[in-house]
PDB file of all heavy atoms in Angstrom:
ATOM      1  N   LEU A   1      -3.657  -3.691   1.298  1.00  0.00           N
ATOM      2  CA  LEU A   1      -2.868  -2.583   1.849  1.00  0.00           C
ATOM      3  C   LEU A   1      -3.029  -2.490   3.368  1.00  0.00           C
ATOM      4  O   LEU A   1      -2.042  -2.316   4.095  1.00  0.00           O
ATOM      5  CB  LEU A   1      -3.281  -1.270   1.201  1.00  0.00           C
ATOM      6  CG  LEU A   1      -2.787  -1.035  -0.239  1.00  0.00           C
ATOM      7  CD1 LEU A   1      -3.578   0.072  -0.921  1.00  0.00           C
ATOM      8  CD2 LEU A   1      -1.298  -0.703  -0.241  1.00  0.00           C
ATOM      9  N   ARG A   2      -4.253  -2.616   3.846  1.00  0.00           N
ATOM     10  CA  ARG A   2      -4.486  -2.546   5.292  1.00  0.00           C
ATOM     11  C   ARG A   2      -3.741  -3.657   6.017  1.00  0.00           C
ATOM     12  O   ARG A   2      -3.115  -3.428   7.057  1.00  0.00           O
ATOM     13  CB  ARG A   2      -5.986  -2.624   5.582  1.00  0.00           C
ATOM     14  CG  ARG A   2      -6.778  -1.397   5.155  1.00  0.00           C
ATOM     15  CD  ARG A   2      -8.215  -1.451   5.658  1.00  0.00           C
ATOM     16  NE  ARG A   2      -9.012  -0.362   5.113  1.00  0.00           N
ATOM     17  CZ  ARG A   2      -9.918  -0.498   4.150  1.00  0.00           C
ATOM     18  NH1 ARG A   2     -10.171  -1.690   3.643  1.00  0.00           N
ATOM     19  NH2 ARG A   2     -10.583   0.554   3.707  1.00  0.00           N
ATOM     20  N   ALA A   3      -3.812  -4.844   5.461  1.00  0.00           N
ATOM     21  CA  ALA A   3      -3.124  -5.977   6.087  1.00  0.00           C
ATOM     22  C   ALA A   3      -1.612  -5.787   6.040  1.00  0.00           C
ATOM     23  O   ALA A   3      -0.904  -6.074   7.006  1.00  0.00           O
ATOM     24  CB  ALA A   3      -3.529  -7.268   5.380  1.00  0.00           C
ATOM     25  N   ALA A   4      -1.114  -5.278   4.917  1.00  0.00           N
ATOM     26  CA  ALA A   4       0.333  -5.100   4.753  1.00  0.00           C
ATOM     27  C   ALA A   4       0.890  -4.067   5.713  1.00  0.00           C
ATOM     28  O   ALA A   4       1.965  -4.251   6.296  1.00  0.00           O
ATOM     29  CB  ALA A   4       0.642  -4.704   3.307  1.00  0.00           C
ATOM     30  N   PHE A   5       0.164  -2.959   5.880  1.00  0.00           N
ATOM     31  CA  PHE A   5       0.661  -1.898   6.758  1.00  0.00           C
ATOM     32  C   PHE A   5       0.502  -2.247   8.234  1.00  0.00           C
ATOM     33  O   PHE A   5       1.045  -1.549   9.092  1.00  0.00           O
ATOM     34  CB  PHE A   5      -0.038  -0.575   6.436  1.00  0.00           C
ATOM     35  CG  PHE A   5       0.601   0.175   5.308  1.00  0.00           C
ATOM     36  CD1 PHE A   5       0.167   0.001   4.001  1.00  0.00           C
ATOM     37  CD2 PHE A   5       1.665   1.028   5.535  1.00  0.00           C
ATOM     38  CE1 PHE A   5       0.762   0.675   2.953  1.00  0.00           C
ATOM     39  CE2 PHE A   5       2.282   1.710   4.495  1.00  0.00           C
ATOM     40  CZ  PHE A   5       1.833   1.534   3.191  1.00  0.00           C
ATOM     41  N   ALA A   6      -0.192  -3.322   8.517  1.00  0.00           N
ATOM     42  CA  ALA A   6      -0.310  -3.781   9.905  1.00  0.00           C
ATOM     43  C   ALA A   6       0.839  -4.702  10.290  1.00  0.00           C
ATOM     44  O   ALA A   6       0.972  -5.067  11.462  1.00  0.00           O
ATOM     45  CB  ALA A   6      -1.638  -4.500  10.100  1.00  0.00           C
ATOM     46  N   LYS A   7       1.674  -5.058   9.312  1.00  0.00           N
ATOM     47  CA  LYS A   7       2.792  -5.975   9.561  1.00  0.00           C
ATOM     48  C   LYS A   7       4.104  -5.210   9.635  1.00  0.00           C
ATOM     49  O   LYS A   7       4.254  -4.136   9.063  1.00  0.00           O
ATOM     50  CB  LYS A   7       2.858  -7.029   8.451  1.00  0.00           C
ATOM     51  CG  LYS A   7       1.623  -7.914   8.375  1.00  0.00           C
ATOM     52  CD  LYS A   7       1.718  -8.873   7.209  1.00  0.00           C
ATOM     53  CE  LYS A   7       0.467  -9.744   7.109  1.00  0.00           C
ATOM     54  NZ  LYS A   7       0.520 -10.654   5.953  1.00  0.00           N
ATOM     55  N   SER A   8       5.066  -5.802  10.329  1.00  0.00           N
ATOM     56  CA  SER A   8       6.377  -5.162  10.451  1.00  0.00           C
ATOM     57  C   SER A   8       7.274  -5.472   9.256  1.00  0.00           C
ATOM     58  O   SER A   8       8.197  -4.709   8.945  1.00  0.00           O
ATOM     59  CB  SER A   8       7.074  -5.618  11.740  1.00  0.00           C
ATOM     60  OG  SER A   8       7.214  -7.033  11.748  1.00  0.00           O
ATOM     61  N   ASP A   9       7.023  -6.568   8.579  1.00  0.00           N
ATOM     62  CA  ASP A   9       7.821  -6.964   7.422  1.00  0.00           C
ATOM     63  C   ASP A   9       7.534  -6.038   6.244  1.00  0.00           C
ATOM     64  O   ASP A   9       6.371  -5.754   5.929  1.00  0.00           O
ATOM     65  CB  ASP A   9       7.493  -8.417   7.054  1.00  0.00           C
ATOM     66  CG  ASP A   9       8.347  -8.917   5.899  1.00  0.00           C
ATOM     67  OD1 ASP A   9       9.384  -8.294   5.614  1.00  0.00           O
ATOM     68  OD2 ASP A   9       7.966  -9.926   5.287  1.00  0.00           O
ATOM     69  N   ALA A  10       8.590  -5.588   5.579  1.00  0.00           N
ATOM     70  CA  ALA A  10       8.420  -4.653   4.461  1.00  0.00           C
ATOM     71  C   ALA A  10       7.907  -5.336   3.200  1.00  0.00           C
ATOM     72  O   ALA A  10       7.288  -4.684   2.353  1.00  0.00           O
ATOM     73  CB  ALA A  10       9.745  -3.955   4.164  1.00  0.00           C
ATOM     74  N   GLY A  11       8.138  -6.631   3.055  1.00  0.00           N
ATOM     75  CA  GLY A  11       7.757  -7.338   1.837  1.00  0.00           C
ATOM     76  C   GLY A  11       6.292  -7.191   1.462  1.00  0.00           C
ATOM     77  O   GLY A  11       5.979  -6.828   0.315  1.00  0.00           O
ATOM     78  N   PRO A  12       5.368  -7.452   2.383  1.00  0.00           N
ATOM     79  CA  PRO A  12       3.953  -7.293   2.037  1.00  0.00           C
ATOM     80  C   PRO A  12       3.588  -5.863   1.637  1.00  0.00           C
ATOM     81  O   PRO A  12       2.749  -5.657   0.753  1.00  0.00           O
ATOM     82  CB  PRO A  12       3.240  -7.707   3.332  1.00  0.00           C
ATOM     83  CG  PRO A  12       4.185  -8.633   4.021  1.00  0.00           C
ATOM     84  CD  PRO A  12       5.538  -8.082   3.701  1.00  0.00           C
ATOM     85  N   ARG A  13       4.227  -4.877   2.268  1.00  0.00           N
ATOM     86  CA  ARG A  13       3.935  -3.489   1.905  1.00  0.00           C
ATOM     87  C   ARG A  13       4.403  -3.191   0.485  1.00  0.00           C
ATOM     88  O   ARG A  13       3.710  -2.515  -0.288  1.00  0.00           O
ATOM     89  CB  ARG A  13       4.575  -2.524   2.912  1.00  0.00           C
ATOM     90  CG  ARG A  13       4.015  -2.653   4.310  1.00  0.00           C
ATOM     91  CD  ARG A  13       4.336  -1.466   5.194  1.00  0.00           C
ATOM     92  NE  ARG A  13       5.751  -1.245   5.424  1.00  0.00           N
ATOM     93  CZ  ARG A  13       6.488  -1.930   6.301  1.00  0.00           C
ATOM     94  NH1 ARG A  13       5.936  -2.908   7.007  1.00  0.00           N
ATOM     95  NH2 ARG A  13       7.758  -1.648   6.479  1.00  0.00           N
ATOM     96  N   LEU A  14       5.587  -3.703   0.150  1.00  0.00           N
ATOM     97  CA  LEU A  14       6.092  -3.515  -1.206  1.00  0.00           C
ATOM     98  C   LEU A  14       5.150  -4.112  -2.235  1.00  0.00           C
ATOM     99  O   LEU A  14       4.798  -3.466  -3.231  1.00  0.00           O
ATOM    100  CB  LEU A  14       7.477  -4.175  -1.344  1.00  0.00           C
ATOM    101  CG  LEU A  14       8.694  -3.377  -0.925  1.00  0.00           C
ATOM    102  CD1 LEU A  14       9.932  -4.266  -0.941  1.00  0.00           C
ATOM    103  CD2 LEU A  14       8.900  -2.188  -1.852  1.00  0.00           C
ATOM    104  N   ARG A  15       4.726  -5.343  -2.011  1.00  0.00           N
ATOM    105  CA  ARG A  15       3.843  -6.017  -2.969  1.00  0.00           C
ATOM    106  C   ARG A  15       2.486  -5.329  -3.063  1.00  0.00           C
ATOM    107  O   ARG A  15       1.928  -5.179  -4.160  1.00  0.00           O
ATOM    108  CB  ARG A  15       3.684  -7.492  -2.571  1.00  0.00           C
ATOM    109  CG  ARG A  15       4.954  -8.313  -2.765  1.00  0.00           C
ATOM    110  CD  ARG A  15       4.683  -9.791  -2.567  1.00  0.00           C
ATOM    111  NE  ARG A  15       4.339 -10.117  -1.185  1.00  0.00           N
ATOM    112  CZ  ARG A  15       5.233 -10.389  -0.232  1.00  0.00           C
ATOM    113  NH1 ARG A  15       6.529 -10.361  -0.518  1.00  0.00           N
ATOM    114  NH2 ARG A  15       4.848 -10.688   0.995  1.00  0.00           N
ATOM    115  N   ALA A  16       1.961  -4.898  -1.933  1.00  0.00           N
ATOM    116  CA  ALA A  16       0.657  -4.236  -1.931  1.00  0.00           C
ATOM    117  C   ALA A  16       0.713  -2.903  -2.662  1.00  0.00           C
ATOM    118  O   ALA A  16      -0.204  -2.558  -3.428  1.00  0.00           O
ATOM    119  CB  ALA A  16       0.182  -4.044  -0.499  1.00  0.00           C
ATOM    120  N   ILE A  17       1.778  -2.161  -2.445  1.00  0.00           N
ATOM    121  CA  ILE A  17       1.937  -0.856  -3.106  1.00  0.00           C
ATOM    122  C   ILE A  17       2.079  -1.036  -4.616  1.00  0.00           C
ATOM    123  O   ILE A  17       1.430  -0.338  -5.409  1.00  0.00           O
ATOM    124  CB  ILE A  17       3.149  -0.104  -2.522  1.00  0.00           C
ATOM    125  CG1 ILE A  17       2.809   0.426  -1.120  1.00  0.00           C
ATOM    126  CG2 ILE A  17       3.575   1.047  -3.433  1.00  0.00           C
ATOM    127  CD1 ILE A  17       4.004   0.966  -0.366  1.00  0.00           C
ATOM    128  N   GLU A  18       2.922  -1.964  -5.016  1.00  0.00           N
ATOM    129  CA  GLU A  18       3.135  -2.189  -6.447  1.00  0.00           C
ATOM    130  C   GLU A  18       1.854  -2.681  -7.130  1.00  0.00           C
ATOM    131  O   GLU A  18       1.560  -2.304  -8.261  1.00  0.00           O
ATOM    132  CB  GLU A  18       4.278  -3.188  -6.642  1.00  0.00           C
ATOM    133  CG  GLU A  18       5.637  -2.602  -6.268  1.00  0.00           C
ATOM    134  CD  GLU A  18       6.738  -3.650  -6.183  1.00  0.00           C
ATOM    135  OE1 GLU A  18       6.413  -4.853  -6.315  1.00  0.00           O
ATOM    136  OE2 GLU A  18       7.910  -3.269  -5.982  1.00  0.00           O
ATOM    137  N   GLY A  19       1.076  -3.499  -6.429  1.00  0.00           N
ATOM    138  CA  GLY A  19      -0.163  -4.005  -6.998  1.00  0.00           C
ATOM    139  C   GLY A  19      -1.258  -2.965  -7.123  1.00  0.00           C
ATOM    140  O   GLY A  19      -2.166  -3.099  -7.946  1.00  0.00           O
ATOM    141  N   ALA A  20      -1.174  -1.924  -6.313  1.00  0.00           N
ATOM    142  CA  ALA A  20      -2.224  -0.899  -6.297  1.00  0.00           C
ATOM    143  C   ALA A  20      -1.846   0.351  -7.086  1.00  0.00           C
ATOM    144  O   ALA A  20      -2.618   1.308  -7.140  1.00  0.00           O
ATOM    145  CB  ALA A  20      -2.533  -0.500  -4.851  1.00  0.00           C
ATOM    146  N   ALA A  21      -0.687   0.345  -7.719  1.00  0.00           N
ATOM    147  CA  ALA A  21      -0.140   1.564  -8.318  1.00  0.00           C
ATOM    148  C   ALA A  21      -1.051   2.215  -9.352  1.00  0.00           C
ATOM    149  O   ALA A  21      -1.097   3.438  -9.465  1.00  0.00           O
ATOM    150  CB  ALA A  21       1.223   1.265  -8.944  1.00  0.00           C
ATOM    151  N   ASP A  22      -1.789   1.411 -10.119  1.00  0.00           N
ATOM    152  CA  ASP A  22      -2.577   1.982 -11.220  1.00  0.00           C
ATOM    153  C   ASP A  22      -4.069   2.078 -10.902  1.00  0.00           C
ATOM    154  O   ASP A  22      -4.879   2.333 -11.794  1.00  0.00           O
ATOM    155  CB  ASP A  22      -2.376   1.155 -12.489  1.00  0.00           C
ATOM    156  CG  ASP A  22      -2.930  -0.260 -12.351  1.00  0.00           C
ATOM    157  OD1 ASP A  22      -3.058  -0.732 -11.198  1.00  0.00           O
ATOM    158  OD2 ASP A  22      -3.221  -0.897 -13.379  1.00  0.00           O
ATOM    159  N   ILE A  23      -4.430   1.890  -9.649  1.00  0.00           N
ATOM    160  CA  ILE A  23      -5.850   1.913  -9.287  1.00  0.00           C
ATOM    161  C   ILE A  23      -6.258   3.341  -8.926  1.00  0.00           C
ATOM    162  O   ILE A  23      -5.742   3.939  -7.986  1.00  0.00           O
ATOM    163  CB  ILE A  23      -6.129   0.963  -8.110  1.00  0.00           C
ATOM    164  CG1 ILE A  23      -5.788  -0.480  -8.511  1.00  0.00           C
ATOM    165  CG2 ILE A  23      -7.581   1.061  -7.672  1.00  0.00           C
ATOM    166  CD1 ILE A  23      -5.908  -1.480  -7.378  1.00  0.00           C
ATOM    167  N   ASP A  24      -7.194   3.871  -9.683  1.00  0.00           N
ATOM    168  CA  ASP A  24      -7.639   5.261  -9.515  1.00  0.00           C
ATOM    169  C   ASP A  24      -8.668   5.328  -8.389  1.00  0.00           C
ATOM    170  O   ASP A  24      -9.877   5.214  -8.622  1.00  0.00           O
ATOM    171  CB  ASP A  24      -8.228   5.757 -10.836  1.00  0.00           C
ATOM    172  CG  ASP A  24      -8.548   7.247 -10.811  1.00  0.00           C
ATOM    173  OD1 ASP A  24      -8.534   7.842  -9.713  1.00  0.00           O
ATOM    174  OD2 ASP A  24      -8.821   7.813 -11.883  1.00  0.00           O
ATOM    175  N   ASP A  25      -8.171   5.508  -7.171  1.00  0.00           N
ATOM    176  CA  ASP A  25      -9.049   5.532  -6.006  1.00  0.00           C
ATOM    177  C   ASP A  25      -8.390   6.367  -4.914  1.00  0.00           C
ATOM    178  O   ASP A  25      -7.222   6.156  -4.581  1.00  0.00           O
ATOM    179  CB  ASP A  25      -9.298   4.109  -5.509  1.00  0.00           C
ATOM    180  CG  ASP A  25     -10.231   4.069  -4.308  1.00  0.00           C
ATOM    181  OD1 ASP A  25     -11.459   4.053  -4.505  1.00  0.00           O
ATOM    182  OD2 ASP A  25      -9.722   4.070  -3.167  1.00  0.00           O
ATOM    183  N   ALA A  26      -9.127   7.317  -4.351  1.00  0.00           N
ATOM    184  CA  ALA A  26      -8.557   8.245  -3.368  1.00  0.00           C
ATOM    185  C   ALA A  26      -8.078   7.534  -2.102  1.00  0.00           C
ATOM    186  O   ALA A  26      -7.042   7.896  -1.536  1.00  0.00           O
ATOM    187  CB  ALA A  26      -9.586   9.313  -3.004  1.00  0.00           C
ATOM    188  N   GLU A  27      -8.812   6.522  -1.658  1.00  0.00           N
ATOM    189  CA  GLU A  27      -8.406   5.813  -0.444  1.00  0.00           C
ATOM    190  C   GLU A  27      -7.154   4.976  -0.691  1.00  0.00           C
ATOM    191  O   GLU A  27      -6.275   4.888   0.165  1.00  0.00           O
ATOM    192  CB  GLU A  27      -9.548   4.920   0.049  1.00  0.00           C
ATOM    193  CG  GLU A  27      -9.286   4.218   1.377  1.00  0.00           C
ATOM    194  CD  GLU A  27      -9.161   5.180   2.566  1.00  0.00           C
ATOM    195  OE1 GLU A  27      -9.458   6.378   2.400  1.00  0.00           O
ATOM    196  OE2 GLU A  27      -8.757   4.713   3.644  1.00  0.00           O
ATOM    197  N   VAL A  28      -7.057   4.402  -1.872  1.00  0.00           N
ATOM    198  CA  VAL A  28      -5.833   3.682  -2.245  1.00  0.00           C
ATOM    199  C   VAL A  28      -4.650   4.639  -2.239  1.00  0.00           C
ATOM    200  O   VAL A  28      -3.570   4.334  -1.721  1.00  0.00           O
ATOM    201  CB  VAL A  28      -5.988   3.024  -3.633  1.00  0.00           C
ATOM    202  CG1 VAL A  28      -4.636   2.553  -4.161  1.00  0.00           C
ATOM    203  CG2 VAL A  28      -6.954   1.850  -3.563  1.00  0.00           C
ATOM    204  N   VAL A  29      -4.849   5.826  -2.790  1.00  0.00           N
ATOM    205  CA  VAL A  29      -3.783   6.829  -2.837  1.00  0.00           C
ATOM    206  C   VAL A  29      -3.357   7.233  -1.426  1.00  0.00           C
ATOM    207  O   VAL A  29      -2.174   7.462  -1.161  1.00  0.00           O
ATOM    208  CB  VAL A  29      -4.244   8.060  -3.648  1.00  0.00           C
ATOM    209  CG1 VAL A  29      -3.282   9.234  -3.458  1.00  0.00           C
ATOM    210  CG2 VAL A  29      -4.341   7.704  -5.119  1.00  0.00           C
ATOM    211  N   ARG A  30      -4.306   7.303  -0.511  1.00  0.00           N
ATOM    212  CA  ARG A  30      -3.962   7.646   0.873  1.00  0.00           C
ATOM    213  C   ARG A  30      -3.008   6.611   1.479  1.00  0.00           C
ATOM    214  O   ARG A  30      -2.052   6.969   2.164  1.00  0.00           O
ATOM    215  CB  ARG A  30      -5.233   7.732   1.723  1.00  0.00           C
ATOM    216  CG  ARG A  30      -4.992   8.281   3.126  1.00  0.00           C
ATOM    217  CD  ARG A  30      -6.291   8.423   3.887  1.00  0.00           C
ATOM    218  NE  ARG A  30      -6.830   7.130   4.290  1.00  0.00           N
ATOM    219  CZ  ARG A  30      -6.413   6.462   5.372  1.00  0.00           C
ATOM    220  NH1 ARG A  30      -5.453   6.948   6.143  1.00  0.00           N
ATOM    221  NH2 ARG A  30      -6.957   5.298   5.681  1.00  0.00           N
ATOM    222  N   TYR A  31      -3.234   5.357   1.170  1.00  0.00           N
ATOM    223  CA  TYR A  31      -2.325   4.316   1.659  1.00  0.00           C
ATOM    224  C   TYR A  31      -0.965   4.389   0.964  1.00  0.00           C
ATOM    225  O   TYR A  31       0.069   4.167   1.591  1.00  0.00           O
ATOM    226  CB  TYR A  31      -2.952   2.926   1.474  1.00  0.00           C
ATOM    227  CG  TYR A  31      -3.726   2.479   2.688  1.00  0.00           C
ATOM    228  CD1 TYR A  31      -5.081   2.707   2.787  1.00  0.00           C
ATOM    229  CD2 TYR A  31      -3.086   1.846   3.758  1.00  0.00           C
ATOM    230  CE1 TYR A  31      -5.809   2.315   3.904  1.00  0.00           C
ATOM    231  CE2 TYR A  31      -3.792   1.448   4.881  1.00  0.00           C
ATOM    232  CZ  TYR A  31      -5.146   1.694   4.948  1.00  0.00           C
ATOM    233  OH  TYR A  31      -5.844   1.305   6.063  1.00  0.00           O
ATOM    234  N   LEU A  32      -0.975   4.698  -0.316  1.00  0.00           N
ATOM    235  CA  LEU A  32       0.296   4.879  -1.017  1.00  0.00           C
ATOM    236  C   LEU A  32       1.080   6.026  -0.382  1.00  0.00           C
ATOM    237  O   LEU A  32       2.309   5.972  -0.263  1.00  0.00           O
ATOM    238  CB  LEU A  32       0.050   5.160  -2.500  1.00  0.00           C
ATOM    239  CG  LEU A  32      -0.616   4.049  -3.316  1.00  0.00           C
ATOM    240  CD1 LEU A  32      -0.798   4.500  -4.762  1.00  0.00           C
ATOM    241  CD2 LEU A  32       0.183   2.771  -3.253  1.00  0.00           C
ATOM    242  N   GLY A  33       0.357   7.062   0.030  1.00  0.00           N
ATOM    243  CA  GLY A  33       0.994   8.187   0.711  1.00  0.00           C
ATOM    244  C   GLY A  33       1.645   7.773   2.030  1.00  0.00           C
ATOM    245  O   GLY A  33       2.682   8.318   2.408  1.00  0.00           O
ATOM    246  N   ARG A  34       1.043   6.823   2.717  1.00  0.00           N
ATOM    247  CA  ARG A  34       1.646   6.326   3.956  1.00  0.00           C
ATOM    248  C   ARG A  34       3.012   5.701   3.675  1.00  0.00           C
ATOM    249  O   ARG A  34       3.923   5.770   4.502  1.00  0.00           O
ATOM    250  CB  ARG A  34       0.734   5.293   4.616  1.00  0.00           C
ATOM    251  CG  ARG A  34      -0.467   5.866   5.320  1.00  0.00           C
ATOM    252  CD  ARG A  34      -1.277   4.791   6.022  1.00  0.00           C
ATOM    253  NE  ARG A  34      -0.510   4.102   7.050  1.00  0.00           N
ATOM    254  CZ  ARG A  34      -0.983   3.102   7.798  1.00  0.00           C
ATOM    255  NH1 ARG A  34      -2.244   2.693   7.618  1.00  0.00           N
ATOM    256  NH2 ARG A  34      -0.237   2.524   8.708  1.00  0.00           N
ATOM    257  N   GLY A  35       3.132   5.118   2.503  1.00  0.00           N
ATOM    258  CA  GLY A  35       4.406   4.504   2.134  1.00  0.00           C
ATOM    259  C   GLY A  35       5.540   5.502   1.983  1.00  0.00           C
ATOM    260  O   GLY A  35       6.719   5.144   2.105  1.00  0.00           O
ATOM    261  N   LEU A  36       5.210   6.766   1.727  1.00  0.00           N
ATOM    262  CA  LEU A  36       6.240   7.792   1.560  1.00  0.00           C
ATOM    263  C   LEU A  36       7.029   8.034   2.836  1.00  0.00           C
ATOM    264  O   LEU A  36       8.180   8.489   2.785  1.00  0.00           O
ATOM    265  CB  LEU A  36       5.606   9.111   1.100  1.00  0.00           C
ATOM    266  CG  LEU A  36       4.894   9.101  -0.249  1.00  0.00           C
ATOM    267  CD1 LEU A  36       4.244  10.448  -0.511  1.00  0.00           C
ATOM    268  CD2 LEU A  36       5.863   8.743  -1.377  1.00  0.00           C
TER     269      LEU A  36
END
């Protein structure tokens, strides 16, 4: 997620978000929130 959000291309962000969707972790959720 950190690497994906450091890039301008949307593709890595999409893949990182989809891959992290079911991980129960507050810091992961914070990054998902950035995607909003």
